Amino acid sequence: MLLFVFLDLLNLVFSNEIHELRSECLNEAQLMDTLINKRDYSKHKLPKKTGITVSVEFWIQEINSISEMTNDFELELFINEMWTDPNLRLWTPNTCFVNSKFAEIYESPFQNVFLTLFDNGTVWVNYEYPAGNWDELVVTFVFERRYMWYFLQAYLPTFFSIFISWIAFSLGPQAITPRTMIGVNALLSMIFHFGSIMKNLPRVSYIKAIDVWMLSSMTFVFLSLIELAIVGYKLQMQREKDHVIEKVDRIARFAFPAGFSIFNIIYWARYGFKVG
């Protein structure tokens, strides 16, 4: 009889312990409270004193806008961070974006945190927040321009303006007025065109390739006006014969295209291969 009561009490005690053990194993809230007990755990403490390796994954979802005037761009991305915590402590890396003007985390009705805890101590979470100065992960975004727009808007019109200015060399020494109109109109159109191009480009403190091209092109047109002034001066003074004045135009007809061709070779060798 006593043995039966003892076995019954022993069975009751074991049943209660098993029930409590099962309740603790099945209760996730109690398990999390044990892991992040405020008395024994600090979320700001690193899992290792020597540091921890954090793997970062980026998914670029969309690049909304790129502004060359302000050198800004907006993008939407997903960031996943994975690290191994040997103590199974829920330490979270401090992630921040250096030089960012604005950052926003999408809000949802539920907490926007996805966390996976593996049995070997590996923790995977894709929630980030800026806090303090820590090790940096540098991400570089490379943007390429569509150069056909610059060719059609900047380079091709200047070719036409320069070619038109060369027509004056074939009109003869006596056509001073038409030659003057051609040269001045070509120079003014190029100056106006250069101003319209600069409005669509960012303001920088260094000389751009398009600046070198436009200034050099205007120099060729301006030199054609200088050649016209020399021809007009000799014609007005009547000190030179007509064939001598015509010789100046013949030299200009070959010298200007040759000089412009040499400039193109140097220019595209300097900037064209760099772009490519």
C-alpha atoms as a PDB file:
ATOM      1  CA  MET A   1       0.000   0.000   0.000  1.00  0.00           C
ATOM      2  CA  LEU A   2       2.774   2.433   0.898  1.00  0.00           C
ATOM      3  CA  LEU A   3       4.732   1.443  -2.179  1.00  0.00           C
ATOM      4  CA  PHE A   4       1.703   2.139  -4.353  1.00  0.00           C
ATOM      5  CA  VAL A   5       1.274   5.607  -2.842  1.00  0.00           C
ATOM      6  CA  PHE A   6       4.961   6.363  -3.336  1.00  0.00           C
ATOM      7  CA  LEU A   7       4.838   5.293  -6.949  1.00  0.00           C
ATOM      8  CA  ASP A   8       1.731   7.348  -7.457  1.00  0.00           C
ATOM      9  CA  LEU A   9       3.381  10.436  -5.956  1.00  0.00           C
ATOM     10  CA  LEU A  10       6.500   9.801  -8.014  1.00  0.00           C
ATOM     11  CA  ASN A  11       4.414   9.534 -11.124  1.00  0.00           C
ATOM     12  CA  LEU A  12       2.676  12.783 -10.217  1.00  0.00           C
ATOM     13  CA  VAL A  13       5.965  14.595  -9.683  1.00  0.00           C
ATOM     14  CA  PHE A  14       7.398  13.335 -12.971  1.00  0.00           C
ATOM     15  CA  SER A  15       4.194  14.236 -14.734  1.00  0.00           C
ATOM     16  CA  ASN A  16       4.351  17.777 -13.391  1.00  0.00           C
ATOM     17  CA  GLU A  17       8.024  18.160 -14.378  1.00  0.00           C
ATOM     18  CA  ILE A  18       7.382  16.841 -17.863  1.00  0.00           C
ATOM     19  CA  HIS A  19       4.393  19.155 -18.183  1.00  0.00           C
ATOM     20  CA  GLU A  20       6.470  22.145 -17.085  1.00  0.00           C
ATOM     21  CA  LEU A  21       9.302  21.163 -19.417  1.00  0.00           C
ATOM     22  CA  ARG A  22       6.918  20.830 -22.332  1.00  0.00           C
ATOM     23  CA  SER A  23       5.307  24.157 -21.524  1.00  0.00           C
ATOM     24  CA  GLU A  24       8.729  25.846 -21.444  1.00  0.00           C
ATOM     25  CA  CYS A  25       9.785  24.258 -24.737  1.00  0.00           C
ATOM     26  CA  LEU A  26       6.581  25.204 -26.465  1.00  0.00           C
ATOM     27  CA  ASN A  27       6.413  28.744 -25.079  1.00  0.00           C
ATOM     28  CA  GLU A  28       8.457  30.916 -27.465  1.00  0.00           C
ATOM     29  CA  ALA A  29       7.892  34.038 -25.404  1.00  0.00           C
ATOM     30  CA  GLN A  30       9.601  32.513 -22.361  1.00  0.00           C
ATOM     31  CA  LEU A  31      12.483  31.304 -24.524  1.00  0.00           C
ATOM     32  CA  MET A  32      13.051  34.796 -25.929  1.00  0.00           C
ATOM     33  CA  ASP A  33      12.824  36.334 -22.457  1.00  0.00           C
ATOM     34  CA  THR A  34      15.514  33.939 -21.269  1.00  0.00           C
ATOM     35  CA  LEU A  35      17.823  34.785 -24.158  1.00  0.00           C
ATOM     36  CA  ILE A  36      17.481  38.548 -23.804  1.00  0.00           C
ATOM     37  CA  ASN A  37      17.284  38.791 -20.045  1.00  0.00           C
ATOM     38  CA  LYS A  38      18.065  42.410 -19.155  1.00  0.00           C
ATOM     39  CA  ARG A  39      20.184  41.381 -16.171  1.00  0.00           C
ATOM     40  CA  ASP A  40      22.528  39.152 -18.180  1.00  0.00           C
ATOM     41  CA  TYR A  41      22.244  40.501 -21.724  1.00  0.00           C
ATOM     42  CA  SER A  42      22.995  43.766 -23.503  1.00  0.00           C
ATOM     43  CA  LYS A  43      22.099  44.154 -27.164  1.00  0.00           C
ATOM     44  CA  HIS A  44      24.981  46.607 -27.614  1.00  0.00           C
ATOM     45  CA  LYS A  45      27.570  43.980 -26.648  1.00  0.00           C
ATOM     46  CA  LEU A  46      29.358  42.256 -29.502  1.00  0.00           C
ATOM     47  CA  PRO A  47      29.265  38.437 -29.623  1.00  0.00           C
ATOM     48  CA  LYS A  48      33.080  38.448 -29.738  1.00  0.00           C
ATOM     49  CA  LYS A  49      35.551  40.922 -28.334  1.00  0.00           C
ATOM     50  CA  THR A  50      37.632  40.609 -31.499  1.00  0.00           C
ATOM     51  CA  GLY A  51      34.717  41.617 -33.701  1.00  0.00           C
ATOM     52  CA  ILE A  52      32.250  39.735 -35.823  1.00  0.00           C
ATOM     53  CA  THR A  53      32.040  39.234 -39.598  1.00  0.00           C
ATOM     54  CA  VAL A  54      28.757  40.413 -41.074  1.00  0.00           C
ATOM     55  CA  SER A  55      27.794  39.410 -44.624  1.00  0.00           C
ATOM     56  CA  VAL A  56      25.706  42.048 -46.400  1.00  0.00           C
ATOM     57  CA  GLU A  57      23.513  41.433 -49.444  1.00  0.00           C
ATOM     58  CA  PHE A  58      22.009  44.156 -51.635  1.00  0.00           C
ATOM     59  CA  TRP A  59      19.075  43.942 -54.002  1.00  0.00           C
ATOM     60  CA  ILE A  60      18.561  47.094 -56.055  1.00  0.00           C
ATOM     61  CA  GLN A  61      14.840  47.251 -56.750  1.00  0.00           C
ATOM     62  CA  GLU A  62      14.583  50.570 -58.586  1.00  0.00           C
ATOM     63  CA  ILE A  63      16.566  53.736 -59.339  1.00  0.00           C
ATOM     64  CA  ASN A  64      13.957  56.467 -59.396  1.00  0.00           C
ATOM     65  CA  SER A  65      15.815  59.568 -60.582  1.00  0.00           C
ATOM     66  CA  ILE A  66      19.330  60.805 -61.371  1.00  0.00           C
ATOM     67  CA  SER A  67      20.111  64.534 -61.258  1.00  0.00           C
ATOM     68  CA  GLU A  68      23.311  65.747 -62.894  1.00  0.00           C
ATOM     69  CA  MET A  69      22.670  69.278 -61.661  1.00  0.00           C
ATOM     70  CA  THR A  70      22.770  68.316 -57.956  1.00  0.00           C
ATOM     71  CA  ASN A  71      24.733  65.036 -58.301  1.00  0.00           C
ATOM     72  CA  ASP A  72      21.969  63.131 -56.479  1.00  0.00           C
ATOM     73  CA  PHE A  73      20.098  59.924 -57.170  1.00  0.00           C
ATOM     74  CA  GLU A  74      17.282  58.028 -55.449  1.00  0.00           C
ATOM     75  CA  LEU A  75      17.025  54.268 -55.199  1.00  0.00           C
ATOM     76  CA  GLU A  76      15.017  51.572 -53.466  1.00  0.00           C
ATOM     77  CA  LEU A  77      16.957  48.578 -52.189  1.00  0.00           C
ATOM     78  CA  PHE A  78      16.708  45.593 -49.871  1.00  0.00           C
ATOM     79  CA  ILE A  79      19.525  44.874 -47.422  1.00  0.00           C
ATOM     80  CA  ASN A  80      20.067  41.500 -45.793  1.00  0.00           C
ATOM     81  CA  GLU A  81      22.650  40.961 -43.062  1.00  0.00           C
ATOM     82  CA  MET A  82      23.901  37.565 -41.921  1.00  0.00           C
ATOM     83  CA  TRP A  83      26.336  36.738 -39.139  1.00  0.00           C
ATOM     84  CA  THR A  84      27.112  33.885 -36.745  1.00  0.00           C
ATOM     85  CA  ASP A  85      26.453  34.488 -33.063  1.00  0.00           C
ATOM     86  CA  PRO A  86      28.226  31.804 -30.962  1.00  0.00           C
ATOM     87  CA  ASN A  87      26.338  32.849 -27.837  1.00  0.00           C
ATOM     88  CA  LEU A  88      22.920  32.784 -29.507  1.00  0.00           C
ATOM     89  CA  ARG A  89      22.461  36.377 -28.394  1.00  0.00           C
ATOM     90  CA  LEU A  90      20.305  38.627 -30.513  1.00  0.00           C
ATOM     91  CA  TRP A  91      22.974  41.247 -31.199  1.00  0.00           C
ATOM     92  CA  THR A  92      22.175  43.425 -34.210  1.00  0.00           C
ATOM     93  CA  PRO A  93      24.832  45.199 -36.334  1.00  0.00           C
ATOM     94  CA  ASN A  94      24.622  48.961 -36.487  1.00  0.00           C
ATOM     95  CA  THR A  95      24.117  49.873 -40.142  1.00  0.00           C
ATOM     96  CA  CYS A  96      24.214  53.423 -41.492  1.00  0.00           C
ATOM     97  CA  PHE A  97      24.565  55.100 -44.901  1.00  0.00           C
ATOM     98  CA  VAL A  98      27.410  57.626 -45.040  1.00  0.00           C
ATOM     99  CA  ASN A  99      26.768  60.852 -47.037  1.00  0.00           C
ATOM    100  CA  SER A 100      23.093  60.012 -47.482  1.00  0.00           C
ATOM    101  CA  LYS A 101      20.785  63.032 -47.515  1.00  0.00           C
ATOM    102  CA  PHE A 102      17.599  61.133 -46.644  1.00  0.00           C
ATOM    103  CA  ALA A 103      16.724  57.552 -45.732  1.00  0.00           C
ATOM    104  CA  GLU A 104      13.333  56.038 -45.052  1.00  0.00           C
ATOM    105  CA  ILE A 105      12.245  52.577 -43.933  1.00  0.00           C
ATOM    106  CA  TYR A 106       8.878  51.431 -45.200  1.00  0.00           C
ATOM    107  CA  GLU A 107       6.353  51.084 -42.432  1.00  0.00           C
ATOM    108  CA  SER A 108       3.764  48.327 -42.288  1.00  0.00           C
ATOM    109  CA  PRO A 109       0.993  47.360 -39.855  1.00  0.00           C
ATOM    110  CA  PHE A 110       3.361  44.737 -38.454  1.00  0.00           C
ATOM    111  CA  GLN A 111       6.946  45.147 -37.333  1.00  0.00           C
ATOM    112  CA  ASN A 112       9.085  45.336 -40.459  1.00  0.00           C
ATOM    113  CA  VAL A 113      11.766  42.908 -39.267  1.00  0.00           C
ATOM    114  CA  PHE A 114      12.553  39.475 -40.659  1.00  0.00           C
ATOM    115  CA  LEU A 115      14.793  37.359 -38.431  1.00  0.00           C
ATOM    116  CA  THR A 116      15.830  33.729 -38.796  1.00  0.00           C
ATOM    117  CA  LEU A 117      17.762  31.862 -36.100  1.00  0.00           C
ATOM    118  CA  PHE A 118      19.516  28.645 -37.156  1.00  0.00           C
ATOM    119  CA  ASP A 119      20.521  25.809 -34.841  1.00  0.00           C
ATOM    120  CA  ASN A 120      24.267  26.469 -35.306  1.00  0.00           C
ATOM    121  CA  GLY A 121      24.024  30.045 -34.085  1.00  0.00           C
ATOM    122  CA  THR A 122      23.661  31.736 -37.495  1.00  0.00           C
ATOM    123  CA  VAL A 123      21.336  34.726 -37.415  1.00  0.00           C
ATOM    124  CA  TRP A 124      19.808  36.288 -40.541  1.00  0.00           C
ATOM    125  CA  VAL A 125      18.014  39.626 -40.319  1.00  0.00           C
ATOM    126  CA  ASN A 126      17.208  42.269 -42.928  1.00  0.00           C
ATOM    127  CA  TYR A 127      16.396  45.221 -40.684  1.00  0.00           C
ATOM    128  CA  GLU A 128      18.917  48.063 -40.414  1.00  0.00           C
ATOM    129  CA  TYR A 129      19.163  51.281 -38.448  1.00  0.00           C
ATOM    130  CA  PRO A 130      21.861  53.966 -38.106  1.00  0.00           C
ATOM    131  CA  ALA A 131      23.592  54.188 -34.724  1.00  0.00           C
ATOM    132  CA  GLY A 132      27.117  55.449 -34.177  1.00  0.00           C
ATOM    133  CA  ASN A 133      30.343  55.065 -36.134  1.00  0.00           C
ATOM    134  CA  TRP A 134      31.315  51.525 -37.079  1.00  0.00           C
ATOM    135  CA  ASP A 135      33.102  49.623 -39.809  1.00  0.00           C
ATOM    136  CA  GLU A 136      32.103  50.731 -43.283  1.00  0.00           C
ATOM    137  CA  LEU A 137      30.992  48.730 -46.296  1.00  0.00           C
ATOM    138  CA  VAL A 138      31.631  50.763 -49.459  1.00  0.00           C
ATOM    139  CA  VAL A 139      29.147  50.314 -52.320  1.00  0.00           C
ATOM    140  CA  THR A 140      29.873  52.045 -55.639  1.00  0.00           C
ATOM    141  CA  PHE A 141      27.178  52.757 -58.229  1.00  0.00           C
ATOM    142  CA  VAL A 142      28.499  53.385 -61.739  1.00  0.00           C
ATOM    143  CA  PHE A 143      26.210  55.282 -64.121  1.00  0.00           C
ATOM    144  CA  GLU A 144      26.878  55.551 -67.844  1.00  0.00           C
ATOM    145  CA  ARG A 145      25.603  58.397 -69.985  1.00  0.00           C
ATOM    146  CA  ARG A 146      23.939  57.923 -73.339  1.00  0.00           C
ATOM    147  CA  TYR A 147      26.402  59.801 -75.511  1.00  0.00           C
ATOM    148  CA  MET A 148      24.178  59.990 -78.571  1.00  0.00           C
ATOM    149  CA  TRP A 149      22.288  62.915 -76.976  1.00  0.00           C
ATOM    150  CA  TYR A 150      25.513  64.882 -76.534  1.00  0.00           C
ATOM    151  CA  PHE A 151      26.604  64.078 -80.074  1.00  0.00           C
ATOM    152  CA  LEU A 152      23.346  65.296 -81.594  1.00  0.00           C
ATOM    153  CA  GLN A 153      22.946  68.336 -79.346  1.00  0.00           C
ATOM    154  CA  ALA A 154      26.543  69.536 -79.012  1.00  0.00           C
ATOM    155  CA  TYR A 155      29.033  68.011 -81.435  1.00  0.00           C
ATOM    156  CA  LEU A 156      27.046  67.755 -84.671  1.00  0.00           C
ATOM    157  CA  PRO A 157      25.789  71.408 -84.691  1.00  0.00           C
ATOM    158  CA  THR A 158      29.315  72.711 -84.093  1.00  0.00           C
ATOM    159  CA  PHE A 159      30.566  70.690 -87.059  1.00  0.00           C
ATOM    160  CA  PHE A 160      27.988  72.412 -89.252  1.00  0.00           C
ATOM    161  CA  SER A 161      28.850  75.873 -87.911  1.00  0.00           C
ATOM    162  CA  ILE A 162      32.554  75.377 -88.592  1.00  0.00           C
ATOM    163  CA  PHE A 163      31.934  74.006 -92.083  1.00  0.00           C
ATOM    164  CA  ILE A 164      29.718  76.997 -92.877  1.00  0.00           C
ATOM    165  CA  SER A 165      32.445  79.397 -91.759  1.00  0.00           C
ATOM    166  CA  TRP A 166      34.805  77.777 -94.273  1.00  0.00           C
ATOM    167  CA  ILE A 167      32.490  78.683 -97.164  1.00  0.00           C
ATOM    168  CA  ALA A 168      33.751  82.260 -96.878  1.00  0.00           C
ATOM    169  CA  PHE A 169      37.170  81.169 -98.132  1.00  0.00           C
ATOM    170  CA  SER A 170      35.659  80.316-101.535  1.00  0.00           C
ATOM    171  CA  LEU A 171      33.705  83.541-102.114  1.00  0.00           C
ATOM    172  CA  GLY A 172      36.709  85.573-103.188  1.00  0.00           C
ATOM    173  CA  PRO A 173      38.420  88.662-101.761  1.00  0.00           C
ATOM    174  CA  GLN A 174      35.805  91.070-103.091  1.00  0.00           C
ATOM    175  CA  ALA A 175      32.856  89.532-101.192  1.00  0.00           C
ATOM    176  CA  ILE A 176      33.729  91.126 -97.872  1.00  0.00           C
ATOM    177  CA  THR A 177      30.152  91.755 -96.726  1.00  0.00           C
ATOM    178  CA  PRO A 178      28.799  88.211 -97.341  1.00  0.00           C
ATOM    179  CA  ARG A 179      31.911  86.698 -95.807  1.00  0.00           C
ATOM    180  CA  THR A 180      31.528  88.878 -92.726  1.00  0.00           C
ATOM    181  CA  MET A 181      27.876  87.882 -92.308  1.00  0.00           C
ATOM    182  CA  ILE A 182      28.733  84.187 -92.607  1.00  0.00           C
ATOM    183  CA  GLY A 183      31.547  84.345 -90.054  1.00  0.00           C
ATOM    184  CA  VAL A 184      29.684  86.500 -87.518  1.00  0.00           C
ATOM    185  CA  ASN A 185      26.493  84.425 -87.733  1.00  0.00           C
ATOM    186  CA  ALA A 186      28.470  81.201 -87.301  1.00  0.00           C
ATOM    187  CA  LEU A 187      30.243  82.589 -84.235  1.00  0.00           C
ATOM    188  CA  LEU A 188      27.059  83.978 -82.646  1.00  0.00           C
ATOM    189  CA  SER A 189      25.129  80.760 -83.236  1.00  0.00           C
ATOM    190  CA  MET A 190      27.932  78.767 -81.640  1.00  0.00           C
ATOM    191  CA  ILE A 191      28.046  81.059 -78.590  1.00  0.00           C
ATOM    192  CA  PHE A 192      24.269  80.797 -78.172  1.00  0.00           C
ATOM    193  CA  HIS A 193      24.430  77.030 -78.598  1.00  0.00           C
ATOM    194  CA  PHE A 194      27.196  76.753 -76.011  1.00  0.00           C
ATOM    195  CA  GLY A 195      25.081  78.686 -73.495  1.00  0.00           C
ATOM    196  CA  SER A 196      22.073  76.420 -74.027  1.00  0.00           C
ATOM    197  CA  ILE A 197      24.228  73.321 -73.493  1.00  0.00           C
ATOM    198  CA  MET A 198      25.688  74.678 -70.258  1.00  0.00           C
ATOM    199  CA  LYS A 199      22.189  75.101 -68.809  1.00  0.00           C
ATOM    200  CA  ASN A 200      21.649  71.336 -68.969  1.00  0.00           C
ATOM    201  CA  LEU A 201      24.992  70.425 -67.385  1.00  0.00           C
ATOM    202  CA  PRO A 202      26.027  70.570 -63.704  1.00  0.00           C
ATOM    203  CA  ARG A 203      28.184  73.426 -62.518  1.00  0.00           C
ATOM    204  CA  VAL A 204      31.638  72.125 -61.667  1.00  0.00           C
ATOM    205  CA  SER A 205      34.958  73.745 -60.835  1.00  0.00           C
ATOM    206  CA  TYR A 206      36.983  71.882 -63.469  1.00  0.00           C
ATOM    207  CA  ILE A 207      37.089  72.004 -67.269  1.00  0.00           C
ATOM    208  CA  LYS A 208      34.925  69.371 -68.939  1.00  0.00           C
ATOM    209  CA  ALA A 209      35.482  67.706 -72.290  1.00  0.00           C
ATOM    210  CA  ILE A 210      32.524  69.545 -73.790  1.00  0.00           C
ATOM    211  CA  ASP A 211      34.075  72.850 -72.670  1.00  0.00           C
ATOM    212  CA  VAL A 212      37.289  72.071 -74.526  1.00  0.00           C
ATOM    213  CA  TRP A 213      35.330  71.152 -77.641  1.00  0.00           C
ATOM    214  CA  MET A 214      33.109  74.231 -77.703  1.00  0.00           C
ATOM    215  CA  LEU A 215      35.879  76.720 -76.907  1.00  0.00           C
ATOM    216  CA  SER A 216      38.180  75.207 -79.521  1.00  0.00           C
ATOM    217  CA  SER A 217      35.410  75.242 -82.127  1.00  0.00           C
ATOM    218  CA  MET A 218      34.669  78.898 -81.428  1.00  0.00           C
ATOM    219  CA  THR A 219      38.389  79.605 -81.756  1.00  0.00           C
ATOM    220  CA  PHE A 220      38.414  78.158 -85.284  1.00  0.00           C
ATOM    221  CA  VAL A 221      35.455  80.331 -86.282  1.00  0.00           C
ATOM    222  CA  PHE A 222      37.085  83.378 -84.715  1.00  0.00           C
ATOM    223  CA  LEU A 223      40.321  82.697 -86.622  1.00  0.00           C
ATOM    224  CA  SER A 224      38.334  82.627 -89.863  1.00  0.00           C
ATOM    225  CA  LEU A 225      37.196  86.170 -89.046  1.00  0.00           C
ATOM    226  CA  ILE A 226      40.807  87.157 -88.405  1.00  0.00           C
ATOM    227  CA  GLU A 227      41.710  85.791 -91.842  1.00  0.00           C
ATOM    228  CA  LEU A 228      38.883  87.843 -93.321  1.00  0.00           C
ATOM    229  CA  ALA A 229      40.208  90.962 -91.594  1.00  0.00           C
ATOM    230  CA  ILE A 230      43.665  90.367 -93.073  1.00  0.00           C
ATOM    231  CA  VAL A 231      42.204  89.939 -96.566  1.00  0.00           C
ATOM    232  CA  GLY A 232      40.066  93.045 -96.185  1.00  0.00           C
ATOM    233  CA  TYR A 233      42.980  95.100 -94.959  1.00  0.00           C
ATOM    234  CA  LYS A 234      45.204  94.086 -97.872  1.00  0.00           C
ATOM    235  CA  LEU A 235      42.363  94.718-100.299  1.00  0.00           C
ATOM    236  CA  GLN A 236      41.694  98.159 -98.873  1.00  0.00           C
ATOM    237  CA  MET A 237      45.325  99.223 -98.907  1.00  0.00           C
ATOM    238  CA  GLN A 238      45.726  98.011-102.495  1.00  0.00           C
ATOM    239  CA  ARG A 239      49.330  97.230-101.776  1.00  0.00           C
ATOM    240  CA  GLU A 240      49.060  93.633-102.776  1.00  0.00           C
ATOM    241  CA  LYS A 241      48.007  92.216-106.095  1.00  0.00           C
ATOM    242  CA  ASP A 242      44.821  90.207-106.429  1.00  0.00           C
ATOM    243  CA  HIS A 243      46.618  86.891-106.873  1.00  0.00           C
ATOM    244  CA  VAL A 244      48.480  87.470-103.595  1.00  0.00           C
ATOM    245  CA  ILE A 245      45.206  88.083-101.743  1.00  0.00           C
ATOM    246  CA  GLU A 246      43.660  85.023-103.360  1.00  0.00           C
ATOM    247  CA  LYS A 247      46.665  83.017-102.228  1.00  0.00           C
ATOM    248  CA  VAL A 248      45.787  83.838 -98.610  1.00  0.00           C
ATOM    249  CA  ASP A 249      42.312  82.358 -99.158  1.00  0.00           C
ATOM    250  CA  ARG A 250      43.777  79.278-100.827  1.00  0.00           C
ATOM    251  CA  ILE A 251      46.092  78.698 -97.886  1.00  0.00           C
ATOM    252  CA  ALA A 252      43.183  79.148 -95.469  1.00  0.00           C
ATOM    253  CA  ARG A 253      41.060  76.644 -97.408  1.00  0.00           C
ATOM    254  CA  PHE A 254      43.634  73.939 -96.660  1.00  0.00           C
ATOM    255  CA  ALA A 255      45.054  75.156 -93.350  1.00  0.00           C
ATOM    256  CA  PHE A 256      41.749  75.397 -91.464  1.00  0.00           C
ATOM    257  CA  PRO A 257      40.461  71.877 -92.329  1.00  0.00           C
ATOM    258  CA  ALA A 258      43.912  70.427 -91.627  1.00  0.00           C
ATOM    259  CA  GLY A 259      44.131  72.180 -88.262  1.00  0.00           C
ATOM    260  CA  PHE A 260      40.602  71.123 -87.326  1.00  0.00           C
ATOM    261  CA  SER A 261      41.374  67.515 -88.300  1.00  0.00           C
ATOM    262  CA  ILE A 262      44.495  67.500 -86.126  1.00  0.00           C
ATOM    263  CA  PHE A 263      42.456  68.919 -83.252  1.00  0.00           C
ATOM    264  CA  ASN A 264      39.864  66.143 -83.654  1.00  0.00           C
ATOM    265  CA  ILE A 265      42.548  63.465 -83.567  1.00  0.00           C
ATOM    266  CA  ILE A 266      44.016  64.882 -80.366  1.00  0.00           C
ATOM    267  CA  TYR A 267      40.609  65.509 -78.781  1.00  0.00           C
ATOM    268  CA  TRP A 268      39.105  62.086 -79.423  1.00  0.00           C
ATOM    269  CA  ALA A 269      42.358  60.365 -78.467  1.00  0.00           C
ATOM    270  CA  ARG A 270      42.294  62.236 -75.164  1.00  0.00           C
ATOM    271  CA  TYR A 271      38.604  62.036 -74.271  1.00  0.00           C
ATOM    272  CA  GLY A 272      37.067  59.463 -76.608  1.00  0.00           C
ATOM    273  CA  PHE A 273      39.098  56.449 -75.420  1.00  0.00           C
ATOM    274  CA  LYS A 274      38.712  57.581 -71.820  1.00  0.00           C
ATOM    275  CA  VAL A 275      34.951  57.483 -72.211  1.00  0.00           C
ATOM    276  CA  GLY A 276      35.049  54.101 -73.912  1.00  0.00           C
END
